[in-house]
Amino acid sequence: MSIPVQPLAEYVVVQAEEAQTKTASGLFLPSGAAEKPKVAVVVAVGPEVTAVQVGDRVLYKNEYESTTVKVNGTEYTVIFHKNIIATIK
């Protein structure tokens, strides 16, 4: 699959997963609770990124340094690789 957004240097392009609006026990979360660190799938990596690869699920800090762009109806977020906190198995 060809991604229309190709990151440079140490940037990573991700597609965010939907924020959970309900807990496992059935409680609904307020909208403010969804603005914590986010989970996303890596769809492209810059040439200097070695810690993650395409297809990894990652947890990243929701900071103002990320850039979201919509291309052909699909929303992508470009983040600096150091804002990735962890990979999720």
PDB file of N, CA and C in Angstrom:
ATOM      1  N   MET A   1       0.837  -1.171   0.000  1.00  0.00           N
ATOM      2  CA  MET A   1       0.000   0.000   0.000  1.00  0.00           C
ATOM      3  C   MET A   1       0.883   1.235   0.000  1.00  0.00           C
ATOM      4  N   SER A   2       0.617   2.157  -0.865  1.00  0.00           N
ATOM      5  CA  SER A   2       1.391   3.381  -0.970  1.00  0.00           C
ATOM      6  C   SER A   2       0.752   4.480  -0.124  1.00  0.00           C
ATOM      7  N   ILE A   3       1.544   5.068   0.735  1.00  0.00           N
ATOM      8  CA  ILE A   3       1.070   6.134   1.610  1.00  0.00           C
ATOM      9  C   ILE A   3       1.403   7.469   0.953  1.00  0.00           C
ATOM     10  N   PRO A   4       0.430   8.383   0.825  1.00  0.00           N
ATOM     11  CA  PRO A   4       0.687   9.655   0.156  1.00  0.00           C
ATOM     12  C   PRO A   4       1.526  10.637   0.981  1.00  0.00           C
ATOM     13  N   VAL A   5       1.777  10.324   2.237  1.00  0.00           N
ATOM     14  CA  VAL A   5       2.582  11.186   3.099  1.00  0.00           C
ATOM     15  C   VAL A   5       3.851  10.428   3.458  1.00  0.00           C
ATOM     16  N   GLN A   6       5.002  10.890   2.979  1.00  0.00           N
ATOM     17  CA  GLN A   6       6.272  10.230   3.264  1.00  0.00           C
ATOM     18  C   GLN A   6       7.082  11.101   4.226  1.00  0.00           C
ATOM     19  N   PRO A   7       7.393  10.599   5.427  1.00  0.00           N
ATOM     20  CA  PRO A   7       8.118  11.394   6.405  1.00  0.00           C
ATOM     21  C   PRO A   7       9.602  11.524   6.060  1.00  0.00           C
ATOM     22  N   LEU A   8      10.190  12.608   6.499  1.00  0.00           N
ATOM     23  CA  LEU A   8      11.609  12.854   6.326  1.00  0.00           C
ATOM     24  C   LEU A   8      12.317  12.688   7.660  1.00  0.00           C
ATOM     25  N   ALA A   9      13.619  12.491   7.607  1.00  0.00           N
ATOM     26  CA  ALA A   9      14.493  12.455   8.786  1.00  0.00           C
ATOM     27  C   ALA A   9      13.963  11.526   9.872  1.00  0.00           C
ATOM     28  N   GLU A  10      13.645  12.083  11.035  1.00  0.00           N
ATOM     29  CA  GLU A  10      13.268  11.289  12.204  1.00  0.00           C
ATOM     30  C   GLU A  10      11.776  11.344  12.507  1.00  0.00           C
ATOM     31  N   TYR A  11      10.958  11.478  11.488  1.00  0.00           N
ATOM     32  CA  TYR A  11       9.515  11.560  11.690  1.00  0.00           C
ATOM     33  C   TYR A  11       8.831  10.252  11.324  1.00  0.00           C
ATOM     34  N   VAL A  12       7.653  10.051  11.908  1.00  0.00           N
ATOM     35  CA  VAL A  12       6.868   8.840  11.718  1.00  0.00           C
ATOM     36  C   VAL A  12       5.440   9.262  11.362  1.00  0.00           C
ATOM     37  N   VAL A  13       4.825   8.587  10.406  1.00  0.00           N
ATOM     38  CA  VAL A  13       3.433   8.841  10.059  1.00  0.00           C
ATOM     39  C   VAL A  13       2.596   7.721  10.660  1.00  0.00           C
ATOM     40  N   VAL A  14       1.551   8.095  11.398  1.00  0.00           N
ATOM     41  CA  VAL A  14       0.683   7.123  12.051  1.00  0.00           C
ATOM     42  C   VAL A  14      -0.771   7.403  11.710  1.00  0.00           C
ATOM     43  N   GLN A  15      -1.601   6.376  11.885  1.00  0.00           N
ATOM     44  CA  GLN A  15      -3.047   6.522  11.803  1.00  0.00           C
ATOM     45  C   GLN A  15      -3.577   6.184  13.191  1.00  0.00           C
ATOM     46  N   ALA A  16      -4.192   7.166  13.827  1.00  0.00           N
ATOM     47  CA  ALA A  16      -4.685   6.998  15.191  1.00  0.00           C
ATOM     48  C   ALA A  16      -5.851   6.033  15.250  1.00  0.00           C
ATOM     49  N   GLU A  17      -5.882   5.249  16.312  1.00  0.00           N
ATOM     50  CA  GLU A  17      -7.025   4.387  16.573  1.00  0.00           C
ATOM     51  C   GLU A  17      -8.087   5.223  17.283  1.00  0.00           C
ATOM     52  N   GLU A  18      -9.313   4.784  17.219  1.00  0.00           N
ATOM     53  CA  GLU A  18     -10.398   5.497  17.890  1.00  0.00           C
ATOM     54  C   GLU A  18     -10.163   5.503  19.396  1.00  0.00           C
ATOM     55  N   ALA A  19     -10.401   6.651  20.016  1.00  0.00           N
ATOM     56  CA  ALA A  19     -10.283   6.757  21.470  1.00  0.00           C
ATOM     57  C   ALA A  19     -11.431   5.974  22.106  1.00  0.00           C
ATOM     58  N   GLN A  20     -11.122   5.275  23.184  1.00  0.00           N
ATOM     59  CA  GLN A  20     -12.144   4.510  23.886  1.00  0.00           C
ATOM     60  C   GLN A  20     -13.121   5.465  24.568  1.00  0.00           C
ATOM     61  N   THR A  21     -14.396   5.244  24.385  1.00  0.00           N
ATOM     62  CA  THR A  21     -15.410   6.079  25.023  1.00  0.00           C
ATOM     63  C   THR A  21     -16.118   5.326  26.136  1.00  0.00           C
ATOM     64  N   LYS A  22     -15.764   4.055  26.303  1.00  0.00           N
ATOM     65  CA  LYS A  22     -16.422   3.223  27.297  1.00  0.00           C
ATOM     66  C   LYS A  22     -15.393   2.261  27.889  1.00  0.00           C
ATOM     67  N   THR A  23     -15.429   2.065  29.206  1.00  0.00           N
ATOM     68  CA  THR A  23     -14.506   1.137  29.858  1.00  0.00           C
ATOM     69  C   THR A  23     -15.018  -0.287  29.713  1.00  0.00           C
ATOM     70  N   ALA A  24     -14.173  -1.251  30.082  1.00  0.00           N
ATOM     71  CA  ALA A  24     -14.566  -2.657  29.999  1.00  0.00           C
ATOM     72  C   ALA A  24     -15.763  -2.956  30.895  1.00  0.00           C
ATOM     73  N   SER A  25     -15.911  -2.204  31.988  1.00  0.00           N
ATOM     74  CA  SER A  25     -17.033  -2.438  32.899  1.00  0.00           C
ATOM     75  C   SER A  25     -18.297  -1.694  32.478  1.00  0.00           C
ATOM     76  N   GLY A  26     -18.234  -0.939  31.367  1.00  0.00           N
ATOM     77  CA  GLY A  26     -19.420  -0.288  30.851  1.00  0.00           C
ATOM     78  C   GLY A  26     -19.566   1.182  31.187  1.00  0.00           C
ATOM     79  N   LEU A  27     -18.587   1.758  31.886  1.00  0.00           N
ATOM     80  CA  LEU A  27     -18.657   3.180  32.218  1.00  0.00           C
ATOM     81  C   LEU A  27     -18.263   4.019  31.015  1.00  0.00           C
ATOM     82  N   PHE A  28     -18.998   5.091  30.759  1.00  0.00           N
ATOM     83  CA  PHE A  28     -18.664   5.991  29.667  1.00  0.00           C
ATOM     84  C   PHE A  28     -17.644   7.016  30.136  1.00  0.00           C
ATOM     85  N   LEU A  29     -16.625   7.242  29.306  1.00  0.00           N
ATOM     86  CA  LEU A  29     -15.571   8.192  29.647  1.00  0.00           C
ATOM     87  C   LEU A  29     -15.947   9.588  29.150  1.00  0.00           C
ATOM     88  N   PRO A  30     -15.639  10.618  29.946  1.00  0.00           N
ATOM     89  CA  PRO A  30     -15.880  11.977  29.456  1.00  0.00           C
ATOM     90  C   PRO A  30     -14.918  12.300  28.323  1.00  0.00           C
ATOM     91  N   SER A  31     -15.272  13.253  27.476  1.00  0.00           N
ATOM     92  CA  SER A  31     -14.444  13.564  26.309  1.00  0.00           C
ATOM     93  C   SER A  31     -13.041  14.009  26.697  1.00  0.00           C
ATOM     94  N   GLY A  32     -12.862  14.635  27.836  1.00  0.00           N
ATOM     95  CA  GLY A  32     -11.531  15.063  28.290  1.00  0.00           C
ATOM     96  C   GLY A  32     -10.611  13.899  28.588  1.00  0.00           C
ATOM     97  N   ALA A  33     -11.162  12.767  28.962  1.00  0.00           N
ATOM     98  CA  ALA A  33     -10.352  11.591  29.280  1.00  0.00           C
ATOM     99  C   ALA A  33      -9.721  10.993  28.037  1.00  0.00           C
ATOM    100  N   ALA A  34     -10.282  11.276  26.876  1.00  0.00           N
ATOM    101  CA  ALA A  34      -9.765  10.711  25.629  1.00  0.00           C
ATOM    102  C   ALA A  34      -8.541  11.475  25.123  1.00  0.00           C
ATOM    103  N   GLU A  35      -8.166  12.571  25.742  1.00  0.00           N
ATOM    104  CA  GLU A  35      -7.043  13.382  25.278  1.00  0.00           C
ATOM    105  C   GLU A  35      -5.731  13.021  25.948  1.00  0.00           C
ATOM    106  N   LYS A  36      -5.597  11.840  26.424  1.00  0.00           N
ATOM    107  CA  LYS A  36      -4.359  11.357  27.031  1.00  0.00           C
ATOM    108  C   LYS A  36      -3.480  10.771  25.920  1.00  0.00           C
ATOM    109  N   PRO A  37      -2.336  10.164  26.245  1.00  0.00           N
ATOM    110  CA  PRO A  37      -1.517   9.565  25.182  1.00  0.00           C
ATOM    111  C   PRO A  37      -2.359   8.666  24.291  1.00  0.00           C
ATOM    112  N   LYS A  38      -2.023   8.647  23.019  1.00  0.00           N
ATOM    113  CA  LYS A  38      -2.834   7.950  22.024  1.00  0.00           C
ATOM    114  C   LYS A  38      -2.161   6.690  21.497  1.00  0.00           C
ATOM    115  N   VAL A  39      -2.982   5.802  20.973  1.00  0.00           N
ATOM    116  CA  VAL A  39      -2.512   4.582  20.326  1.00  0.00           C
ATOM    117  C   VAL A  39      -2.741   4.742  18.830  1.00  0.00           C
ATOM    118  N   ALA A  40      -1.740   4.351  18.044  1.00  0.00           N
ATOM    119  CA  ALA A  40      -1.832   4.478  16.596  1.00  0.00           C
ATOM    120  C   ALA A  40      -1.046   3.364  15.925  1.00  0.00           C
ATOM    121  N   VAL A  41      -1.283   3.209  14.641  1.00  0.00           N
ATOM    122  CA  VAL A  41      -0.548   2.237  13.828  1.00  0.00           C
ATOM    123  C   VAL A  41       0.418   3.007  12.931  1.00  0.00           C
ATOM    124  N   VAL A  42       1.673   2.575  12.909  1.00  0.00           N
ATOM    125  CA  VAL A  42       2.690   3.214  12.074  1.00  0.00           C
ATOM    126  C   VAL A  42       2.448   2.837  10.620  1.00  0.00           C
ATOM    127  N   VAL A  43       2.335   3.846   9.748  1.00  0.00           N
ATOM    128  CA  VAL A  43       2.110   3.573   8.330  1.00  0.00           C
ATOM    129  C   VAL A  43       3.307   3.959   7.460  1.00  0.00           C
ATOM    130  N   ALA A  44       4.222   4.780   8.003  1.00  0.00           N
ATOM    131  CA  ALA A  44       5.443   5.143   7.275  1.00  0.00           C
ATOM    132  C   ALA A  44       6.462   5.678   8.271  1.00  0.00           C
ATOM    133  N   VAL A  45       7.741   5.445   7.996  1.00  0.00           N
ATOM    134  CA  VAL A  45       8.817   5.941   8.861  1.00  0.00           C
ATOM    135  C   VAL A  45       9.856   6.676   8.024  1.00  0.00           C
ATOM    136  N   GLY A  46      10.471   7.680   8.639  1.00  0.00           N
ATOM    137  CA  GLY A  46      11.542   8.410   7.975  1.00  0.00           C
ATOM    138  C   GLY A  46      12.794   7.557   7.905  1.00  0.00           C
ATOM    139  N   PRO A  47      13.759   7.937   7.067  1.00  0.00           N
ATOM    140  CA  PRO A  47      14.957   7.128   6.862  1.00  0.00           C
ATOM    141  C   PRO A  47      15.859   7.005   8.085  1.00  0.00           C
ATOM    142  N   GLU A  48      15.737   7.893   9.058  1.00  0.00           N
ATOM    143  CA  GLU A  48      16.590   7.846  10.243  1.00  0.00           C
ATOM    144  C   GLU A  48      15.937   7.159  11.437  1.00  0.00           C
ATOM    145  N   VAL A  49      14.747   6.626  11.266  1.00  0.00           N
ATOM    146  CA  VAL A  49      14.015   5.975  12.364  1.00  0.00           C
ATOM    147  C   VAL A  49      14.324   4.483  12.346  1.00  0.00           C
ATOM    148  N   THR A  50      14.790   3.966  13.495  1.00  0.00           N
ATOM    149  CA  THR A  50      15.120   2.544  13.577  1.00  0.00           C
ATOM    150  C   THR A  50      14.346   1.816  14.675  1.00  0.00           C
ATOM    151  N   ALA A  51      13.724   2.541  15.591  1.00  0.00           N
ATOM    152  CA  ALA A  51      13.066   1.915  16.742  1.00  0.00           C
ATOM    153  C   ALA A  51      11.707   1.313  16.411  1.00  0.00           C
ATOM    154  N   VAL A  52      11.030   1.827  15.395  1.00  0.00           N
ATOM    155  CA  VAL A  52       9.720   1.295  15.016  1.00  0.00           C
ATOM    156  C   VAL A  52       9.698   1.043  13.520  1.00  0.00           C
ATOM    157  N   GLN A  53       8.736   0.226  13.103  1.00  0.00           N
ATOM    158  CA  GLN A  53       8.596  -0.058  11.678  1.00  0.00           C
ATOM    159  C   GLN A  53       7.121  -0.054  11.299  1.00  0.00           C
ATOM    160  N   VAL A  54       6.856  -0.024  10.017  1.00  0.00           N
ATOM    161  CA  VAL A  54       5.490   0.002   9.502  1.00  0.00           C
ATOM    162  C   VAL A  54       4.725  -1.201  10.043  1.00  0.00           C
ATOM    163  N   GLY A  55       3.525  -0.953  10.525  1.00  0.00           N
ATOM    164  CA  GLY A  55       2.682  -2.010  11.078  1.00  0.00           C
ATOM    165  C   GLY A  55       2.691  -2.078  12.590  1.00  0.00           C
ATOM    166  N   ASP A  56       3.680  -1.464  13.249  1.00  0.00           N
ATOM    167  CA  ASP A  56       3.733  -1.460  14.711  1.00  0.00           C
ATOM    168  C   ASP A  56       2.591  -0.631  15.277  1.00  0.00           C
ATOM    169  N   ARG A  57       2.020  -1.106  16.389  1.00  0.00           N
ATOM    170  CA  ARG A  57       1.074  -0.292  17.164  1.00  0.00           C
ATOM    171  C   ARG A  57       1.894   0.416  18.221  1.00  0.00           C
ATOM    172  N   VAL A  58       1.733   1.718  18.314  1.00  0.00           N
ATOM    173  CA  VAL A  58       2.543   2.510  19.242  1.00  0.00           C
ATOM    174  C   VAL A  58       1.671   3.389  20.120  1.00  0.00           C
ATOM    175  N   LEU A  59       2.226   3.729  21.272  1.00  0.00           N
ATOM    176  CA  LEU A  59       1.635   4.687  22.192  1.00  0.00           C
ATOM    177  C   LEU A  59       2.485   5.935  22.083  1.00  0.00           C
ATOM    178  N   TYR A  60       1.858   7.082  21.794  1.00  0.00           N
ATOM    179  CA  TYR A  60       2.638   8.307  21.641  1.00  0.00           C
ATOM    180  C   TYR A  60       2.032   9.441  22.441  1.00  0.00           C
ATOM    181  N   LYS A  61       2.895  10.395  22.824  1.00  0.00           N
ATOM    182  CA  LYS A  61       2.452  11.557  23.584  1.00  0.00           C
ATOM    183  C   LYS A  61       1.660  12.469  22.665  1.00  0.00           C
ATOM    184  N   ASN A  62       0.552  12.944  23.166  1.00  0.00           N
ATOM    185  CA  ASN A  62      -0.293  13.870  22.407  1.00  0.00           C
ATOM    186  C   ASN A  62       0.232  15.278  22.669  1.00  0.00           C
ATOM    187  N   GLU A  63       1.180  15.707  21.875  1.00  0.00           N
ATOM    188  CA  GLU A  63       1.785  17.015  22.052  1.00  0.00           C
ATOM    189  C   GLU A  63       1.487  17.905  20.872  1.00  0.00           C
ATOM    190  N   TYR A  64       1.761  19.168  21.038  1.00  0.00           N
ATOM    191  CA  TYR A  64       1.507  20.144  19.986  1.00  0.00           C
ATOM    192  C   TYR A  64       2.487  20.007  18.826  1.00  0.00           C
ATOM    193  N   GLU A  65       3.489  19.162  18.979  1.00  0.00           N
ATOM    194  CA  GLU A  65       4.495  18.983  17.934  1.00  0.00           C
ATOM    195  C   GLU A  65       4.011  18.079  16.801  1.00  0.00           C
ATOM    196  N   SER A  66       2.885  17.427  16.974  1.00  0.00           N
ATOM    197  CA  SER A  66       2.381  16.561  15.912  1.00  0.00           C
ATOM    198  C   SER A  66       1.577  17.387  14.910  1.00  0.00           C
ATOM    199  N   THR A  67       1.517  16.884  13.688  1.00  0.00           N
ATOM    200  CA  THR A  67       0.777  17.552  12.626  1.00  0.00           C
ATOM    201  C   THR A  67      -0.187  16.550  12.009  1.00  0.00           C
ATOM    202  N   THR A  68      -1.445  16.932  11.930  1.00  0.00           N
ATOM    203  CA  THR A  68      -2.454  16.059  11.334  1.00  0.00           C
ATOM    204  C   THR A  68      -2.845  16.611   9.977  1.00  0.00           C
ATOM    205  N   VAL A  69      -2.929  15.706   9.000  1.00  0.00           N
ATOM    206  CA  VAL A  69      -3.285  16.103   7.644  1.00  0.00           C
ATOM    207  C   VAL A  69      -4.264  15.072   7.082  1.00  0.00           C
ATOM    208  N   LYS A  70      -5.219  15.538   6.290  1.00  0.00           N
ATOM    209  CA  LYS A  70      -6.181  14.638   5.656  1.00  0.00           C
ATOM    210  C   LYS A  70      -5.883  14.600   4.165  1.00  0.00           C
ATOM    211  N   VAL A  71      -5.589  13.397   3.654  1.00  0.00           N
ATOM    212  CA  VAL A  71      -5.267  13.213   2.239  1.00  0.00           C
ATOM    213  C   VAL A  71      -6.185  12.126   1.681  1.00  0.00           C
ATOM    214  N   ASN A  72      -6.908  12.444   0.621  1.00  0.00           N
ATOM    215  CA  ASN A  72      -7.828  11.498  -0.019  1.00  0.00           C
ATOM    216  C   ASN A  72      -8.812  10.885   0.975  1.00  0.00           C
ATOM    217  N   GLY A  73      -9.270  11.692   1.937  1.00  0.00           N
ATOM    218  CA  GLY A  73     -10.251  11.231   2.904  1.00  0.00           C
ATOM    219  C   GLY A  73      -9.698  10.454   4.076  1.00  0.00           C
ATOM    220  N   THR A  74      -8.390  10.239   4.123  1.00  0.00           N
ATOM    221  CA  THR A  74      -7.761   9.518   5.219  1.00  0.00           C
ATOM    222  C   THR A  74      -6.933  10.487   6.054  1.00  0.00           C
ATOM    223  N   GLU A  75      -7.069  10.388   7.380  1.00  0.00           N
ATOM    224  CA  GLU A  75      -6.347  11.285   8.274  1.00  0.00           C
ATOM    225  C   GLU A  75      -5.053  10.633   8.753  1.00  0.00           C
ATOM    226  N   TYR A  76      -3.948  11.350   8.591  1.00  0.00           N
ATOM    227  CA  TYR A  76      -2.625  10.896   9.027  1.00  0.00           C
ATOM    228  C   TYR A  76      -2.080  11.888  10.045  1.00  0.00           C
ATOM    229  N   THR A  77      -1.283  11.395  10.985  1.00  0.00           N
ATOM    230  CA  THR A  77      -0.604  12.253  11.939  1.00  0.00           C
ATOM    231  C   THR A  77       0.889  12.025  11.800  1.00  0.00           C
ATOM    232  N   VAL A  78       1.639  13.113  11.682  1.00  0.00           N
ATOM    233  CA  VAL A  78       3.090  13.048  11.588  1.00  0.00           C
ATOM    234  C   VAL A  78       3.648  13.450  12.947  1.00  0.00           C
ATOM    235  N   ILE A  79       4.438  12.547  13.543  1.00  0.00           N
ATOM    236  CA  ILE A  79       5.005  12.813  14.866  1.00  0.00           C
ATOM    237  C   ILE A  79       6.511  12.607  14.831  1.00  0.00           C
ATOM    238  N   PHE A  80       7.199  13.267  15.749  1.00  0.00           N
ATOM    239  CA  PHE A  80       8.635  13.082  15.913  1.00  0.00           C
ATOM    240  C   PHE A  80       8.846  11.753  16.639  1.00  0.00           C
ATOM    241  N   HIS A  81       9.804  10.968  16.202  1.00  0.00           N
ATOM    242  CA  HIS A  81       9.956   9.610  16.752  1.00  0.00           C
ATOM    243  C   HIS A  81      10.194   9.595  18.262  1.00  0.00           C
ATOM    244  N   LYS A  82      10.753  10.637  18.827  1.00  0.00           N
ATOM    245  CA  LYS A  82      11.009  10.668  20.283  1.00  0.00           C
ATOM    246  C   LYS A  82       9.725  10.856  21.090  1.00  0.00           C
ATOM    247  N   ASN A  83       8.615  11.175  20.433  1.00  0.00           N
ATOM    248  CA  ASN A  83       7.335  11.273  21.133  1.00  0.00           C
ATOM    249  C   ASN A  83       6.636   9.919  21.243  1.00  0.00           C
ATOM    250  N   ILE A  84       7.237   8.876  20.673  1.00  0.00           N
ATOM    251  CA  ILE A  84       6.693   7.530  20.810  1.00  0.00           C
ATOM    252  C   ILE A  84       7.154   6.984  22.153  1.00  0.00           C
ATOM    253  N   ILE A  85       6.182   6.620  22.991  1.00  0.00           N
ATOM    254  CA  ILE A  85       6.477   6.162  24.349  1.00  0.00           C
ATOM    255  C   ILE A  85       6.767   4.657  24.394  1.00  0.00           C
ATOM    256  N   ALA A  86       5.992   3.873  23.610  1.00  0.00           N
ATOM    257  CA  ALA A  86       6.128   2.419  23.661  1.00  0.00           C
ATOM    258  C   ALA A  86       5.489   1.782  22.444  1.00  0.00           C
ATOM    259  N   THR A  87       5.858   0.519  22.196  1.00  0.00           N
ATOM    260  CA  THR A  87       5.148  -0.269  21.194  1.00  0.00           C
ATOM    261  C   THR A  87       4.188  -1.189  21.943  1.00  0.00           C
ATOM    262  N   ILE A  88       3.108  -1.555  21.285  1.00  0.00           N
ATOM    263  CA  ILE A  88       2.087  -2.383  21.897  1.00  0.00           C
ATOM    264  C   ILE A  88       2.012  -3.700  21.139  1.00  0.00           C
ATOM    265  N   LYS A  89       2.134  -4.788  21.841  1.00  0.00           N
ATOM    266  CA  LYS A  89       2.097  -6.119  21.222  1.00  0.00           C
ATOM    267  C   LYS A  89       0.693  -6.619  21.079  1.00  0.00           C
TER     268      LYS A  89
END
